[in-house]
C-alpha atoms as a PDB file:
ATOM      1  CA  MET A   1       3.282 -13.176  -0.237  1.00  0.00           C
ATOM      2  CA  ASN A   2       4.523 -10.550   3.155  1.00  0.00           C
ATOM      3  CA  LYS A   3       2.344  -7.816   4.248  1.00  0.00           C
ATOM      4  CA  LEU A   4       6.160  -5.744   2.463  1.00  0.00           C
ATOM      5  CA  ASP A   5       5.628  -7.611  -0.499  1.00  0.00           C
ATOM      6  CA  GLU A   6       2.263  -6.815  -1.305  1.00  0.00           C
ATOM      7  CA  LEU A   7       2.791  -3.315  -0.431  1.00  0.00           C
ATOM      8  CA  THR A   8       6.361  -2.560  -2.269  1.00  0.00           C
ATOM      9  CA  MET A   9       4.724  -4.304  -5.007  1.00  0.00           C
ATOM     10  CA  ALA A  10       1.615  -2.027  -5.168  1.00  0.00           C
ATOM     11  CA  VAL A  11       3.911   0.529  -5.042  1.00  0.00           C
ATOM     12  CA  LYS A  12       6.233  -0.014  -8.190  1.00  0.00           C
ATOM     13  CA  ASN A  13       2.946  -1.352 -10.114  1.00  0.00           C
ATOM     14  CA  LEU A  14       1.741   2.755  -9.984  1.00  0.00           C
ATOM     15  CA  GLU A  15       4.590   4.157 -11.237  1.00  0.00           C
ATOM     16  CA  ILE A  16       3.266   3.224 -15.049  1.00  0.00           C
ATOM     17  CA  ASP A  17       0.435   5.285 -14.374  1.00  0.00           C
ATOM     18  CA  PHE A  18       2.112   8.109 -12.942  1.00  0.00           C
ATOM     19  CA  GLN A  19       4.321   8.510 -15.769  1.00  0.00           C
ATOM     20  CA  LYS A  20       0.992   7.797 -17.872  1.00  0.00           C
ATOM     21  CA  PHE A  21      -0.782  11.240 -15.681  1.00  0.00           C
ATOM     22  CA  TYR A  22       2.343  13.225 -15.183  1.00  0.00           C
ATOM     23  CA  GLU A  23       4.439  12.746 -18.613  1.00  0.00           C
ATOM     24  CA  LYS A  24       1.981  12.077 -21.261  1.00  0.00           C
ATOM     25  CA  GLY A  25      -0.702  13.388 -20.191  1.00  0.00           C
ATOM     26  CA  GLN A  26      -3.679  10.446 -19.601  1.00  0.00           C
ATOM     27  CA  ALA A  27      -6.514  11.814 -17.659  1.00  0.00           C
ATOM     28  CA  ALA A  28      -7.626   7.888 -17.391  1.00  0.00           C
ATOM     29  CA  ALA A  29      -3.924   6.921 -15.527  1.00  0.00           C
ATOM     30  CA  GLY A  30      -4.777   9.323 -13.279  1.00  0.00           C
ATOM     31  CA  THR A  31      -8.076   7.440 -12.479  1.00  0.00           C
ATOM     32  CA  ARG A  32      -6.356   4.407 -11.742  1.00  0.00           C
ATOM     33  CA  LEU A  33      -3.434   6.494  -9.942  1.00  0.00           C
ATOM     34  CA  ARG A  34      -5.553   7.109  -7.310  1.00  0.00           C
ATOM     35  CA  LYS A  35      -7.547   3.802  -6.811  1.00  0.00           C
ATOM     36  CA  SER A  36      -3.814   2.108  -6.819  1.00  0.00           C
ATOM     37  CA  LEU A  37      -3.001   5.000  -3.855  1.00  0.00           C
ATOM     38  CA  SER A  38      -6.310   4.389  -2.130  1.00  0.00           C
ATOM     39  CA  ASP A  39      -5.149   0.741  -2.248  1.00  0.00           C
ATOM     40  CA  ILE A  40      -1.722   1.188  -0.807  1.00  0.00           C
ATOM     41  CA  ARG A  41      -3.050   3.208   2.454  1.00  0.00           C
ATOM     42  CA  LYS A  42      -5.358   0.167   2.808  1.00  0.00           C
ATOM     43  CA  LEU A  43      -2.626  -2.144   2.839  1.00  0.00           C
ATOM     44  CA  ALA A  44      -0.497   0.296   4.968  1.00  0.00           C
ATOM     45  CA  GLN A  45      -3.098   0.615   7.572  1.00  0.00           C
ATOM     46  CA  ASP A  46      -3.514  -3.593   7.559  1.00  0.00           C
ATOM     47  CA  LEU A  47      -0.339  -3.560   7.929  1.00  0.00           C
ATOM     48  CA  ARG A  48      -0.405  -1.567  11.141  1.00  0.00           C
ATOM     49  CA  LYS A  49      -3.245  -2.919  12.700  1.00  0.00           C
ATOM     50  CA  ASP A  50      -0.616  -6.745  12.022  1.00  0.00           C
ATOM     51  CA  ILE A  51       2.161  -4.982  13.786  1.00  0.00           C
ATOM     52  CA  GLN A  52       0.044  -3.480  17.051  1.00  0.00           C
ATOM     53  CA  ASP A  53      -1.595  -6.663  16.994  1.00  0.00           C
ATOM     54  CA  THR A  54       1.474  -7.988  17.541  1.00  0.00           C
ATOM     55  CA  LYS A  55       2.599  -5.835  19.828  1.00  0.00           C
ATOM     56  CA  THR A  56      -0.289  -6.919  22.264  1.00  0.00           C
ATOM     57  CA  GLN A  57      -0.211 -10.644  21.526  1.00  0.00           C
ATOM     58  CA  ARG A  58       3.560 -10.141  22.523  1.00  0.00           C
ATOM     59  CA  LYS A  59       3.105  -7.923  26.254  1.00  0.00           C
ATOM     60  CA  GLU A  60       0.533 -10.096  27.463  1.00  0.00           C
ATOM     61  CA  GLU A  61       3.014 -12.990  26.570  1.00  0.00           C
ATOM     62  CA  LYS A  62       5.592 -11.464  28.687  1.00  0.00           C
ATOM     63  CA  LYS A  63       2.728 -11.461  31.670  1.00  0.00           C
END
């Protein structure tokens, strides 16, 4: 699975806890939601790092 698929799946998975927290008022779902958002942030940071590394590598290959 590539990084974009992982990120997309993580966003889709938090939808259930989002609904439980905001629509049903379940406090535990809020905790899971915050953890999911933290995981998404980590995935996004990894993706940003990979993009930057790829750009740098391509730039060096042109020299």
